[in-house]
Amino acid sequence: MVSSYCHLGHLVASIRDDNLDIIGLQSRFIGQVNSMLCFFGKVSSNIKLCLFRSYCTSYFYGYELWNLLCLQLAKWQTSV
């Protein structure tokens, strides 16, 4: 029996816990933001905002399925 699998970029676990999916997404998101800032660090704030929306927010597609009371999500929200 498979305990978890990746579907459309999200980790689906048999224990119905979103912690692993949120941890993976958080790591990919932070990496993408750092990469974007590395390549486009000298452009104006307006351009950075447009680039952020284009390159970094796609990781949040499907977040509506998360349990909003998940412990890892609460940790991530307080660290921002």
C-alpha atoms as a PDB file:
ATOM      1  CA  MET A   1       0.000   0.000   0.000  1.00  0.00           C
ATOM      2  CA  VAL A   2       1.267   3.464  -0.879  1.00  0.00           C
ATOM      3  CA  SER A   3       1.359   5.877   2.052  1.00  0.00           C
ATOM      4  CA  SER A   4       1.644   9.029  -0.086  1.00  0.00           C
ATOM      5  CA  TYR A   5       1.946  10.143  -3.699  1.00  0.00           C
ATOM      6  CA  CYS A   6       2.387  13.360  -5.638  1.00  0.00           C
ATOM      7  CA  HIS A   7      -0.633  14.576  -7.614  1.00  0.00           C
ATOM      8  CA  LEU A   8      -0.460  17.838  -9.597  1.00  0.00           C
ATOM      9  CA  GLY A   9       2.415  19.046  -7.441  1.00  0.00           C
ATOM     10  CA  HIS A  10       0.763  18.295  -4.099  1.00  0.00           C
ATOM     11  CA  LEU A  11       1.567  15.432  -1.783  1.00  0.00           C
ATOM     12  CA  VAL A  12      -1.479  13.317  -0.986  1.00  0.00           C
ATOM     13  CA  ALA A  13      -0.993  11.174   2.133  1.00  0.00           C
ATOM     14  CA  SER A  14      -3.077   8.246   3.333  1.00  0.00           C
ATOM     15  CA  ILE A  15      -3.190   9.646   6.885  1.00  0.00           C
ATOM     16  CA  ARG A  16      -5.061  12.724   5.590  1.00  0.00           C
ATOM     17  CA  ASP A  17      -2.462  15.075   7.019  1.00  0.00           C
ATOM     18  CA  ASP A  18      -1.269  18.128   5.095  1.00  0.00           C
ATOM     19  CA  ASN A  19       1.956  18.676   7.060  1.00  0.00           C
ATOM     20  CA  LEU A  20       4.258  17.003   4.510  1.00  0.00           C
ATOM     21  CA  ASP A  21       2.627  18.818   1.598  1.00  0.00           C
ATOM     22  CA  ILE A  22       2.957  22.183   3.348  1.00  0.00           C
ATOM     23  CA  ILE A  23       6.597  21.572   4.281  1.00  0.00           C
ATOM     24  CA  GLY A  24       7.455  20.662   0.687  1.00  0.00           C
ATOM     25  CA  LEU A  25       5.567  23.629  -0.717  1.00  0.00           C
ATOM     26  CA  GLN A  26       7.201  25.985   1.762  1.00  0.00           C
ATOM     27  CA  SER A  27      10.661  24.829   0.696  1.00  0.00           C
ATOM     28  CA  ARG A  28       9.898  25.159  -3.023  1.00  0.00           C
ATOM     29  CA  PHE A  29       8.260  28.568  -2.504  1.00  0.00           C
ATOM     30  CA  ILE A  30      11.201  29.986  -0.534  1.00  0.00           C
ATOM     31  CA  GLY A  31      13.629  28.643  -3.137  1.00  0.00           C
ATOM     32  CA  GLN A  32      11.655  30.229  -5.965  1.00  0.00           C
ATOM     33  CA  VAL A  33      11.466  33.602  -4.180  1.00  0.00           C
ATOM     34  CA  ASN A  34      15.219  33.549  -3.506  1.00  0.00           C
ATOM     35  CA  SER A  35      15.922  32.636  -7.120  1.00  0.00           C
ATOM     36  CA  MET A  36      13.696  35.426  -8.411  1.00  0.00           C
ATOM     37  CA  LEU A  37      15.345  37.982  -6.121  1.00  0.00           C
ATOM     38  CA  CYS A  38      18.802  36.777  -7.154  1.00  0.00           C
ATOM     39  CA  PHE A  39      18.123  37.301 -10.854  1.00  0.00           C
ATOM     40  CA  PHE A  40      15.939  40.411 -10.619  1.00  0.00           C
ATOM     41  CA  GLY A  41      17.181  42.098  -7.435  1.00  0.00           C
ATOM     42  CA  LYS A  42      18.010  45.404  -9.105  1.00  0.00           C
ATOM     43  CA  VAL A  43      14.649  46.095 -10.755  1.00  0.00           C
ATOM     44  CA  SER A  44      11.983  48.369  -9.280  1.00  0.00           C
ATOM     45  CA  SER A  45       9.494  47.234  -6.641  1.00  0.00           C
ATOM     46  CA  ASN A  46       6.613  47.272  -9.117  1.00  0.00           C
ATOM     47  CA  ILE A  47       8.474  44.931 -11.467  1.00  0.00           C
ATOM     48  CA  LYS A  48       9.408  42.661  -8.539  1.00  0.00           C
ATOM     49  CA  LEU A  49       5.749  42.453  -7.550  1.00  0.00           C
ATOM     50  CA  CYS A  50       4.727  41.455 -11.080  1.00  0.00           C
ATOM     51  CA  LEU A  51       7.513  38.864 -11.214  1.00  0.00           C
ATOM     52  CA  PHE A  52       6.544  37.526  -7.781  1.00  0.00           C
ATOM     53  CA  ARG A  53       2.949  37.063  -8.893  1.00  0.00           C
ATOM     54  CA  SER A  54       4.062  35.332 -12.084  1.00  0.00           C
ATOM     55  CA  TYR A  55       6.806  33.072 -10.756  1.00  0.00           C
ATOM     56  CA  CYS A  56       6.092  32.438  -7.072  1.00  0.00           C
ATOM     57  CA  THR A  57       2.361  32.240  -6.443  1.00  0.00           C
ATOM     58  CA  SER A  58       1.660  29.225  -8.653  1.00  0.00           C
ATOM     59  CA  TYR A  59       2.699  26.981  -5.745  1.00  0.00           C
ATOM     60  CA  PHE A  60      -0.528  27.875  -3.974  1.00  0.00           C
ATOM     61  CA  TYR A  61      -2.873  26.327  -6.536  1.00  0.00           C
ATOM     62  CA  GLY A  62      -4.876  23.712  -4.672  1.00  0.00           C
ATOM     63  CA  TYR A  63      -4.288  25.149  -1.205  1.00  0.00           C
ATOM     64  CA  GLU A  64      -8.063  25.293  -0.774  1.00  0.00           C
ATOM     65  CA  LEU A  65      -7.926  21.565  -0.049  1.00  0.00           C
ATOM     66  CA  TRP A  66      -5.669  21.964   2.982  1.00  0.00           C
ATOM     67  CA  ASN A  67      -6.936  21.602   6.500  1.00  0.00           C
ATOM     68  CA  LEU A  68      -6.598  25.168   7.777  1.00  0.00           C
ATOM     69  CA  LEU A  69      -6.116  23.913  11.340  1.00  0.00           C
ATOM     70  CA  CYS A  70      -2.986  22.003  10.330  1.00  0.00           C
ATOM     71  CA  LEU A  71      -0.057  22.511  12.727  1.00  0.00           C
ATOM     72  CA  GLN A  72       2.530  23.127  10.005  1.00  0.00           C
ATOM     73  CA  LEU A  73       0.373  25.790   8.345  1.00  0.00           C
ATOM     74  CA  ALA A  74       0.051  27.632  11.671  1.00  0.00           C
ATOM     75  CA  LYS A  75       3.847  27.518  12.103  1.00  0.00           C
ATOM     76  CA  TRP A  76       4.370  28.898   8.611  1.00  0.00           C
ATOM     77  CA  GLN A  77       1.892  31.730   9.124  1.00  0.00           C
ATOM     78  CA  THR A  78       3.556  32.852  12.365  1.00  0.00           C
ATOM     79  CA  SER A  79       7.045  32.790  10.794  1.00  0.00           C
ATOM     80  CA  VAL A  80       6.131  35.199   7.986  1.00  0.00           C
END
